[in-house]
Amino acid sequence: MLLSRTPTLLAFLVNLVTLCTAQVSPTTVPSCKAAQSELAFNSLGQSPCLVAAYLGTQCNANYKIEPVIAGSWYLRPTILTANACLCNGAYYSMLAACSLCQFGLFEPWSTWTVACPANDTSVGSFPPGIPDGTAIPHWAFVDVSKTNGFSLVAANEAGLFPESLAGGAASAAPPGQSATAVLFPSTAGGATATNAEPGLPANTNTNENPLARSGQGRCFGSLAWGTLFGALGLTFSLLKPLQNL
């Protein structure tokens, strides 16, 4: 009886881990809703949300970006989730643009990196390495530490090209295409956002768990509960033969 139950419990846990992995993909990202937000897309037609997801998966293969509610913002990394990807300026800029294209806001750079180790914090490049299948706009590498946050003005001045590709390669603007970026020139209400510098909203809940809004958090919770019940079941299987002695 014990030999027949133990593989079943192990199979359950293996299947749960497999399910968690299968739920996450760099192609599963929020949709941009702001008018003309496609102007912030890269030359491959990828949204800032998709590019940010590609960068995040360089440090966590299960990384996923969930939609943000209008007027809300993505929460900064914690001491448990901070890594060289999430604490990078290019990732931060792409995520900020992702939030803006959903009518969201973003935290200042100094707030975003409060839990980031110094050796994991960087701007101007992407030390983990750019993955295949994406292209990072030139504006993503603007030094956000100088403006303490993502700046639409600085991004527009930097432009889209040259884009950074996997392996250290770069792509120039195609013939006849301007390298200048014009990010989110208008909002749903018609007001210009070109010179806006959104930052940390009021009444920030610093105690909120950033995993609470993500599929990754739900997956971790399911895995934790599954492991607990699996361990209890295994213990019961081991003790039951002893009760019959």
C-alpha atoms as a PDB file:
ATOM      1  CA  MET A   1       0.000   0.000   0.000  1.00  0.00           C
ATOM      2  CA  LEU A   2       2.796   2.413   0.898  1.00  0.00           C
ATOM      3  CA  LEU A   3       4.643   1.761  -2.354  1.00  0.00           C
ATOM      4  CA  SER A   4       1.503   2.430  -4.373  1.00  0.00           C
ATOM      5  CA  ARG A   5       0.623   5.697  -2.593  1.00  0.00           C
ATOM      6  CA  THR A   6       4.040   7.324  -2.568  1.00  0.00           C
ATOM      7  CA  PRO A   7       4.451   7.517  -6.377  1.00  0.00           C
ATOM      8  CA  THR A   8       0.939   8.946  -6.601  1.00  0.00           C
ATOM      9  CA  LEU A   9       1.809  11.771  -4.202  1.00  0.00           C
ATOM     10  CA  LEU A  10       5.069  12.459  -5.990  1.00  0.00           C
ATOM     11  CA  ALA A  11       3.279  12.482  -9.342  1.00  0.00           C
ATOM     12  CA  PHE A  12       0.778  15.015  -7.962  1.00  0.00           C
ATOM     13  CA  LEU A  13       3.552  17.396  -6.921  1.00  0.00           C
ATOM     14  CA  VAL A  14       5.387  16.979 -10.222  1.00  0.00           C
ATOM     15  CA  ASN A  15       2.186  17.730 -12.142  1.00  0.00           C
ATOM     16  CA  LEU A  16       1.566  20.819 -10.005  1.00  0.00           C
ATOM     17  CA  VAL A  17       5.047  22.165 -10.733  1.00  0.00           C
ATOM     18  CA  THR A  18       4.538  21.453 -14.442  1.00  0.00           C
ATOM     19  CA  LEU A  19       1.201  23.300 -14.392  1.00  0.00           C
ATOM     20  CA  CYS A  20       2.782  26.348 -12.765  1.00  0.00           C
ATOM     21  CA  THR A  21       5.477  26.423 -15.415  1.00  0.00           C
ATOM     22  CA  ALA A  22       2.995  26.025 -18.255  1.00  0.00           C
ATOM     23  CA  GLN A  23       0.879  28.964 -17.070  1.00  0.00           C
ATOM     24  CA  VAL A  24       3.665  31.480 -17.657  1.00  0.00           C
ATOM     25  CA  SER A  25       4.941  32.646 -21.036  1.00  0.00           C
ATOM     26  CA  PRO A  26       6.635  35.822 -22.292  1.00  0.00           C
ATOM     27  CA  THR A  27       3.839  36.044 -24.860  1.00  0.00           C
ATOM     28  CA  THR A  28       1.179  36.288 -22.139  1.00  0.00           C
ATOM     29  CA  VAL A  29       1.146  40.009 -21.447  1.00  0.00           C
ATOM     30  CA  PRO A  30      -1.372  42.840 -20.949  1.00  0.00           C
ATOM     31  CA  SER A  31      -2.729  44.697 -23.963  1.00  0.00           C
ATOM     32  CA  CYS A  32      -1.938  48.373 -24.461  1.00  0.00           C
ATOM     33  CA  LYS A  33      -5.091  50.494 -24.371  1.00  0.00           C
ATOM     34  CA  ALA A  34      -3.858  54.091 -24.559  1.00  0.00           C
ATOM     35  CA  ALA A  35      -4.361  55.896 -27.858  1.00  0.00           C
ATOM     36  CA  GLN A  36      -1.382  55.594 -30.221  1.00  0.00           C
ATOM     37  CA  SER A  37       0.571  53.539 -27.680  1.00  0.00           C
ATOM     38  CA  GLU A  38       1.798  51.420 -30.596  1.00  0.00           C
ATOM     39  CA  LEU A  39       4.318  54.214 -31.165  1.00  0.00           C
ATOM     40  CA  ALA A  40       6.206  52.790 -28.178  1.00  0.00           C
ATOM     41  CA  PHE A  41       6.388  49.338 -29.797  1.00  0.00           C
ATOM     42  CA  ASN A  42       9.747  48.100 -31.069  1.00  0.00           C
ATOM     43  CA  SER A  43      10.567  47.368 -34.706  1.00  0.00           C
ATOM     44  CA  LEU A  44       9.248  43.808 -34.270  1.00  0.00           C
ATOM     45  CA  GLY A  45       5.825  45.153 -33.344  1.00  0.00           C
ATOM     46  CA  GLN A  46       6.243  44.092 -29.707  1.00  0.00           C
ATOM     47  CA  SER A  47       4.606  46.166 -26.976  1.00  0.00           C
ATOM     48  CA  PRO A  48       6.566  47.503 -23.985  1.00  0.00           C
ATOM     49  CA  CYS A  49       4.781  44.870 -21.882  1.00  0.00           C
ATOM     50  CA  LEU A  50       6.051  42.030 -24.058  1.00  0.00           C
ATOM     51  CA  VAL A  51       9.597  43.412 -24.158  1.00  0.00           C
ATOM     52  CA  ALA A  52       9.592  43.793 -20.359  1.00  0.00           C
ATOM     53  CA  ALA A  53       8.398  40.197 -20.048  1.00  0.00           C
ATOM     54  CA  TYR A  54      11.248  38.994 -22.259  1.00  0.00           C
ATOM     55  CA  LEU A  55      13.740  40.809 -20.033  1.00  0.00           C
ATOM     56  CA  GLY A  56      12.183  39.450 -16.848  1.00  0.00           C
ATOM     57  CA  THR A  57      12.463  35.862 -18.043  1.00  0.00           C
ATOM     58  CA  GLN A  58      16.244  36.209 -18.215  1.00  0.00           C
ATOM     59  CA  CYS A  59      16.296  35.939 -14.412  1.00  0.00           C
ATOM     60  CA  ASN A  60      13.131  33.905 -13.860  1.00  0.00           C
ATOM     61  CA  ALA A  61      11.862  31.552 -16.548  1.00  0.00           C
ATOM     62  CA  ASN A  62       8.397  31.702 -14.955  1.00  0.00           C
ATOM     63  CA  TYR A  63       8.201  35.497 -14.987  1.00  0.00           C
ATOM     64  CA  LYS A  64       4.876  36.978 -16.023  1.00  0.00           C
ATOM     65  CA  ILE A  65       3.415  40.472 -16.233  1.00  0.00           C
ATOM     66  CA  GLU A  66      -0.219  40.875 -15.239  1.00  0.00           C
ATOM     67  CA  PRO A  67      -2.453  43.788 -16.316  1.00  0.00           C
ATOM     68  CA  VAL A  68      -2.417  46.888 -14.135  1.00  0.00           C
ATOM     69  CA  ILE A  69      -5.574  48.773 -13.185  1.00  0.00           C
ATOM     70  CA  ALA A  70      -5.872  52.293 -14.608  1.00  0.00           C
ATOM     71  CA  GLY A  71      -4.452  54.766 -12.104  1.00  0.00           C
ATOM     72  CA  SER A  72      -2.524  52.017 -10.327  1.00  0.00           C
ATOM     73  CA  TRP A  73       1.068  50.857 -10.786  1.00  0.00           C
ATOM     74  CA  TYR A  74       3.358  47.851 -10.714  1.00  0.00           C
ATOM     75  CA  LEU A  75       4.861  47.230  -7.299  1.00  0.00           C
ATOM     76  CA  ARG A  76       8.602  47.303  -6.774  1.00  0.00           C
ATOM     77  CA  PRO A  77      10.705  44.185  -6.138  1.00  0.00           C
ATOM     78  CA  THR A  78      11.018  42.959  -2.562  1.00  0.00           C
ATOM     79  CA  ILE A  79      14.124  41.529  -0.904  1.00  0.00           C
ATOM     80  CA  LEU A  80      12.782  38.125  -1.960  1.00  0.00           C
ATOM     81  CA  THR A  81      12.106  38.950  -5.618  1.00  0.00           C
ATOM     82  CA  ALA A  82      14.821  41.519  -6.423  1.00  0.00           C
ATOM     83  CA  ASN A  83      17.288  40.371  -9.074  1.00  0.00           C
ATOM     84  CA  ALA A  84      19.535  41.754 -11.810  1.00  0.00           C
ATOM     85  CA  CYS A  85      16.603  41.906 -14.246  1.00  0.00           C
ATOM     86  CA  LEU A  86      13.971  43.627 -12.110  1.00  0.00           C
ATOM     87  CA  CYS A  87      16.567  46.041 -10.700  1.00  0.00           C
ATOM     88  CA  ASN A  88      17.725  47.124 -14.150  1.00  0.00           C
ATOM     89  CA  GLY A  89      16.936  50.492 -15.699  1.00  0.00           C
ATOM     90  CA  ALA A  90      15.977  49.116 -19.118  1.00  0.00           C
ATOM     91  CA  TYR A  91      13.505  46.669 -17.587  1.00  0.00           C
ATOM     92  CA  TYR A  92      12.141  49.443 -15.347  1.00  0.00           C
ATOM     93  CA  SER A  93      11.640  51.763 -18.327  1.00  0.00           C
ATOM     94  CA  MET A  94       9.874  49.089 -20.371  1.00  0.00           C
ATOM     95  CA  LEU A  95       7.596  48.244 -17.437  1.00  0.00           C
ATOM     96  CA  ALA A  96       6.852  51.941 -16.863  1.00  0.00           C
ATOM     97  CA  ALA A  97       5.894  52.290 -20.537  1.00  0.00           C
ATOM     98  CA  CYS A  98       3.813  49.122 -20.184  1.00  0.00           C
ATOM     99  CA  SER A  99       1.953  50.693 -17.274  1.00  0.00           C
ATOM    100  CA  LEU A 100       1.428  53.982 -19.113  1.00  0.00           C
ATOM    101  CA  CYS A 101      -0.047  52.240 -22.133  1.00  0.00           C
ATOM    102  CA  GLN A 102      -2.677  50.783 -19.765  1.00  0.00           C
ATOM    103  CA  PHE A 103      -3.386  54.231 -18.220  1.00  0.00           C
ATOM    104  CA  GLY A 104      -1.292  53.257 -15.208  1.00  0.00           C
ATOM    105  CA  LEU A 105       1.453  55.043 -13.279  1.00  0.00           C
ATOM    106  CA  PHE A 106       4.897  54.009 -12.051  1.00  0.00           C
ATOM    107  CA  GLU A 107       7.107  54.389  -9.014  1.00  0.00           C
ATOM    108  CA  PRO A 108      10.216  56.610  -8.968  1.00  0.00           C
ATOM    109  CA  TRP A 109      13.481  54.787  -9.619  1.00  0.00           C
ATOM    110  CA  SER A 110      14.711  55.407  -6.063  1.00  0.00           C
ATOM    111  CA  THR A 111      11.551  53.788  -4.707  1.00  0.00           C
ATOM    112  CA  TRP A 112      11.604  50.932  -7.217  1.00  0.00           C
ATOM    113  CA  THR A 113      15.141  49.921  -6.242  1.00  0.00           C
ATOM    114  CA  VAL A 114      14.852  50.308  -2.468  1.00  0.00           C
ATOM    115  CA  ALA A 115      15.176  46.534  -1.945  1.00  0.00           C
ATOM    116  CA  CYS A 116      17.677  45.950  -4.760  1.00  0.00           C
ATOM    117  CA  PRO A 117      21.229  44.861  -3.862  1.00  0.00           C
ATOM    118  CA  ALA A 118      23.847  47.270  -5.179  1.00  0.00           C
ATOM    119  CA  ASN A 119      25.466  44.591  -7.349  1.00  0.00           C
ATOM    120  CA  ASP A 120      22.111  43.864  -9.031  1.00  0.00           C
ATOM    121  CA  THR A 121      21.221  47.501  -9.742  1.00  0.00           C
ATOM    122  CA  SER A 122      22.248  48.871 -13.137  1.00  0.00           C
ATOM    123  CA  VAL A 123      21.341  51.413 -15.824  1.00  0.00           C
ATOM    124  CA  GLY A 124      22.490  51.957 -19.396  1.00  0.00           C
ATOM    125  CA  SER A 125      22.818  48.270 -20.271  1.00  0.00           C
ATOM    126  CA  PHE A 126      21.235  44.908 -19.476  1.00  0.00           C
ATOM    127  CA  PRO A 127      23.871  42.703 -17.759  1.00  0.00           C
ATOM    128  CA  PRO A 128      21.764  39.483 -17.735  1.00  0.00           C
ATOM    129  CA  GLY A 129      21.900  39.545 -21.537  1.00  0.00           C
ATOM    130  CA  ILE A 130      19.182  40.348 -24.052  1.00  0.00           C
ATOM    131  CA  PRO A 131      17.234  37.209 -25.008  1.00  0.00           C
ATOM    132  CA  ASP A 132      16.518  36.022 -28.524  1.00  0.00           C
ATOM    133  CA  GLY A 133      13.229  37.017 -30.088  1.00  0.00           C
ATOM    134  CA  THR A 134      13.058  40.647 -29.023  1.00  0.00           C
ATOM    135  CA  ALA A 135      14.657  44.053 -29.598  1.00  0.00           C
ATOM    136  CA  ILE A 136      15.189  46.651 -26.879  1.00  0.00           C
ATOM    137  CA  PRO A 137      14.462  50.249 -27.965  1.00  0.00           C
ATOM    138  CA  HIS A 138      17.266  52.745 -27.533  1.00  0.00           C
ATOM    139  CA  TRP A 139      15.102  54.864 -25.236  1.00  0.00           C
ATOM    140  CA  ALA A 140      14.953  52.041 -22.684  1.00  0.00           C
ATOM    141  CA  PHE A 141      18.619  52.614 -21.847  1.00  0.00           C
ATOM    142  CA  VAL A 142      18.230  56.254 -20.815  1.00  0.00           C
ATOM    143  CA  ASP A 143      19.808  56.730 -17.369  1.00  0.00           C
ATOM    144  CA  VAL A 144      16.713  56.753 -15.141  1.00  0.00           C
ATOM    145  CA  SER A 145      18.837  57.537 -12.086  1.00  0.00           C
ATOM    146  CA  LYS A 146      19.361  61.080 -13.404  1.00  0.00           C
ATOM    147  CA  THR A 147      15.633  61.833 -13.546  1.00  0.00           C
ATOM    148  CA  ASN A 148      14.729  59.416 -10.731  1.00  0.00           C
ATOM    149  CA  GLY A 149      12.258  57.689 -13.000  1.00  0.00           C
ATOM    150  CA  PHE A 150      11.101  56.986 -16.519  1.00  0.00           C
ATOM    151  CA  SER A 151      10.957  60.225 -18.496  1.00  0.00           C
ATOM    152  CA  LEU A 152       8.809  60.541 -21.603  1.00  0.00           C
ATOM    153  CA  VAL A 153      10.787  63.630 -22.577  1.00  0.00           C
ATOM    154  CA  ALA A 154      14.136  61.835 -22.301  1.00  0.00           C
ATOM    155  CA  ALA A 155      12.737  58.787 -24.108  1.00  0.00           C
ATOM    156  CA  ASN A 156      11.481  60.918 -26.993  1.00  0.00           C
ATOM    157  CA  GLU A 157      14.888  62.580 -27.262  1.00  0.00           C
ATOM    158  CA  ALA A 158      16.710  59.225 -27.233  1.00  0.00           C
ATOM    159  CA  GLY A 159      14.573  57.691 -29.985  1.00  0.00           C
ATOM    160  CA  LEU A 160      13.871  54.098 -30.951  1.00  0.00           C
ATOM    161  CA  PHE A 161      17.102  53.209 -32.762  1.00  0.00           C
ATOM    162  CA  PRO A 162      19.615  51.708 -32.537  1.00  0.00           C
ATOM    163  CA  GLU A 163      17.801  48.822 -30.899  1.00  0.00           C
ATOM    164  CA  SER A 164      19.768  46.297 -28.846  1.00  0.00           C
ATOM    165  CA  LEU A 165      19.530  42.636 -29.833  1.00  0.00           C
ATOM    166  CA  ALA A 166      20.694  39.315 -28.432  1.00  0.00           C
ATOM    167  CA  GLY A 167      24.424  38.681 -28.527  1.00  0.00           C
ATOM    168  CA  GLY A 168      25.325  42.365 -28.338  1.00  0.00           C
ATOM    169  CA  ALA A 169      24.077  43.166 -31.840  1.00  0.00           C
ATOM    170  CA  ALA A 170      22.259  46.383 -32.719  1.00  0.00           C
ATOM    171  CA  SER A 171      19.727  47.324 -35.374  1.00  0.00           C
ATOM    172  CA  ALA A 172      19.598  50.684 -37.123  1.00  0.00           C
ATOM    173  CA  ALA A 173      16.504  52.448 -38.369  1.00  0.00           C
ATOM    174  CA  PRO A 174      15.255  51.024 -41.696  1.00  0.00           C
ATOM    175  CA  PRO A 175      15.651  53.327 -44.729  1.00  0.00           C
ATOM    176  CA  GLY A 176      13.016  56.013 -44.695  1.00  0.00           C
ATOM    177  CA  GLN A 177      12.022  55.403 -41.075  1.00  0.00           C
ATOM    178  CA  SER A 178      12.745  57.988 -38.414  1.00  0.00           C
ATOM    179  CA  ALA A 179      14.682  56.906 -35.350  1.00  0.00           C
ATOM    180  CA  THR A 180      12.838  59.462 -33.236  1.00  0.00           C
ATOM    181  CA  ALA A 181      10.356  58.070 -30.732  1.00  0.00           C
ATOM    182  CA  VAL A 182       7.119  59.852 -29.936  1.00  0.00           C
ATOM    183  CA  LEU A 183       5.724  57.984 -26.960  1.00  0.00           C
ATOM    184  CA  PHE A 184       2.062  58.239 -25.970  1.00  0.00           C
ATOM    185  CA  PRO A 185       1.420  61.659 -27.546  1.00  0.00           C
ATOM    186  CA  SER A 186      -2.127  61.706 -26.222  1.00  0.00           C
ATOM    187  CA  THR A 187      -4.338  60.093 -23.632  1.00  0.00           C
ATOM    188  CA  ALA A 188      -7.940  58.907 -23.804  1.00  0.00           C
ATOM    189  CA  GLY A 189      -9.023  62.350 -22.641  1.00  0.00           C
ATOM    190  CA  GLY A 190      -7.069  64.095 -25.356  1.00  0.00           C
ATOM    191  CA  ALA A 191      -4.574  65.754 -23.021  1.00  0.00           C
ATOM    192  CA  THR A 192      -0.944  65.547 -24.053  1.00  0.00           C
ATOM    193  CA  ALA A 193       1.250  63.154 -22.123  1.00  0.00           C
ATOM    194  CA  THR A 194       4.474  63.987 -23.944  1.00  0.00           C
ATOM    195  CA  ASN A 195       5.749  66.292 -21.228  1.00  0.00           C
ATOM    196  CA  ALA A 196       4.102  64.527 -18.333  1.00  0.00           C
ATOM    197  CA  GLU A 197       6.382  62.938 -15.771  1.00  0.00           C
ATOM    198  CA  PRO A 198       4.149  60.584 -13.779  1.00  0.00           C
ATOM    199  CA  GLY A 199       5.653  59.299 -10.589  1.00  0.00           C
ATOM    200  CA  LEU A 200       4.726  57.674  -7.320  1.00  0.00           C
ATOM    201  CA  PRO A 201       0.982  58.104  -6.694  1.00  0.00           C
ATOM    202  CA  ALA A 202      -0.328  59.213  -3.332  1.00  0.00           C
ATOM    203  CA  ASN A 203      -1.341  56.720  -0.640  1.00  0.00           C
ATOM    204  CA  THR A 204       1.129  54.040  -1.709  1.00  0.00           C
ATOM    205  CA  ASN A 205       0.548  50.814   0.173  1.00  0.00           C
ATOM    206  CA  THR A 206       4.134  49.788   0.927  1.00  0.00           C
ATOM    207  CA  ASN A 207       2.987  46.646   2.715  1.00  0.00           C
ATOM    208  CA  GLU A 208       1.167  45.139  -0.256  1.00  0.00           C
ATOM    209  CA  ASN A 209       2.649  41.905  -1.544  1.00  0.00           C
ATOM    210  CA  PRO A 210       3.732  42.410  -5.193  1.00  0.00           C
ATOM    211  CA  LEU A 211       3.028  38.738  -5.922  1.00  0.00           C
ATOM    212  CA  ALA A 212      -0.618  39.226  -4.964  1.00  0.00           C
ATOM    213  CA  ARG A 213      -1.377  40.679  -8.412  1.00  0.00           C
ATOM    214  CA  SER A 214       0.509  38.093 -10.413  1.00  0.00           C
ATOM    215  CA  GLY A 215      -0.137  34.629 -11.740  1.00  0.00           C
ATOM    216  CA  GLN A 216       3.290  33.797 -10.337  1.00  0.00           C
ATOM    217  CA  GLY A 217       2.037  34.518  -6.827  1.00  0.00           C
ATOM    218  CA  ARG A 218      -1.030  32.346  -7.277  1.00  0.00           C
ATOM    219  CA  CYS A 219       1.165  29.579  -8.613  1.00  0.00           C
ATOM    220  CA  PHE A 220       3.538  29.800  -5.660  1.00  0.00           C
ATOM    221  CA  GLY A 221       0.557  29.625  -3.307  1.00  0.00           C
ATOM    222  CA  SER A 222      -0.855  26.558  -5.021  1.00  0.00           C
ATOM    223  CA  LEU A 223       2.526  24.888  -4.965  1.00  0.00           C
ATOM    224  CA  ALA A 224       2.990  25.647  -1.263  1.00  0.00           C
ATOM    225  CA  TRP A 225      -0.418  24.246  -0.324  1.00  0.00           C
ATOM    226  CA  GLY A 226       0.076  21.282  -2.617  1.00  0.00           C
ATOM    227  CA  THR A 227       3.413  20.497  -1.004  1.00  0.00           C
ATOM    228  CA  LEU A 228       1.887  20.770   2.473  1.00  0.00           C
ATOM    229  CA  PHE A 229      -1.004  18.429   1.722  1.00  0.00           C
ATOM    230  CA  GLY A 230       1.323  16.091  -0.127  1.00  0.00           C
ATOM    231  CA  ALA A 231       3.618  15.908   2.892  1.00  0.00           C
ATOM    232  CA  LEU A 232       0.659  15.250   5.200  1.00  0.00           C
ATOM    233  CA  GLY A 233      -0.564  12.491   2.910  1.00  0.00           C
ATOM    234  CA  LEU A 234       2.866  10.896   2.808  1.00  0.00           C
ATOM    235  CA  THR A 235       3.110  11.027   6.603  1.00  0.00           C
ATOM    236  CA  PHE A 236      -0.303   9.367   6.912  1.00  0.00           C
ATOM    237  CA  SER A 237       0.804   6.631   4.509  1.00  0.00           C
ATOM    238  CA  LEU A 238       3.893   5.967   6.593  1.00  0.00           C
ATOM    239  CA  LEU A 239       2.063   5.901   9.925  1.00  0.00           C
ATOM    240  CA  LYS A 240      -0.936   3.812   8.917  1.00  0.00           C
ATOM    241  CA  PRO A 241       0.999   0.490   8.666  1.00  0.00           C
ATOM    242  CA  LEU A 242       2.389   1.138  12.149  1.00  0.00           C
ATOM    243  CA  GLN A 243      -1.131   1.460  13.562  1.00  0.00           C
ATOM    244  CA  ASN A 244      -1.919  -2.057  12.379  1.00  0.00           C
ATOM    245  CA  LEU A 245       0.985  -3.609  14.289  1.00  0.00           C
END
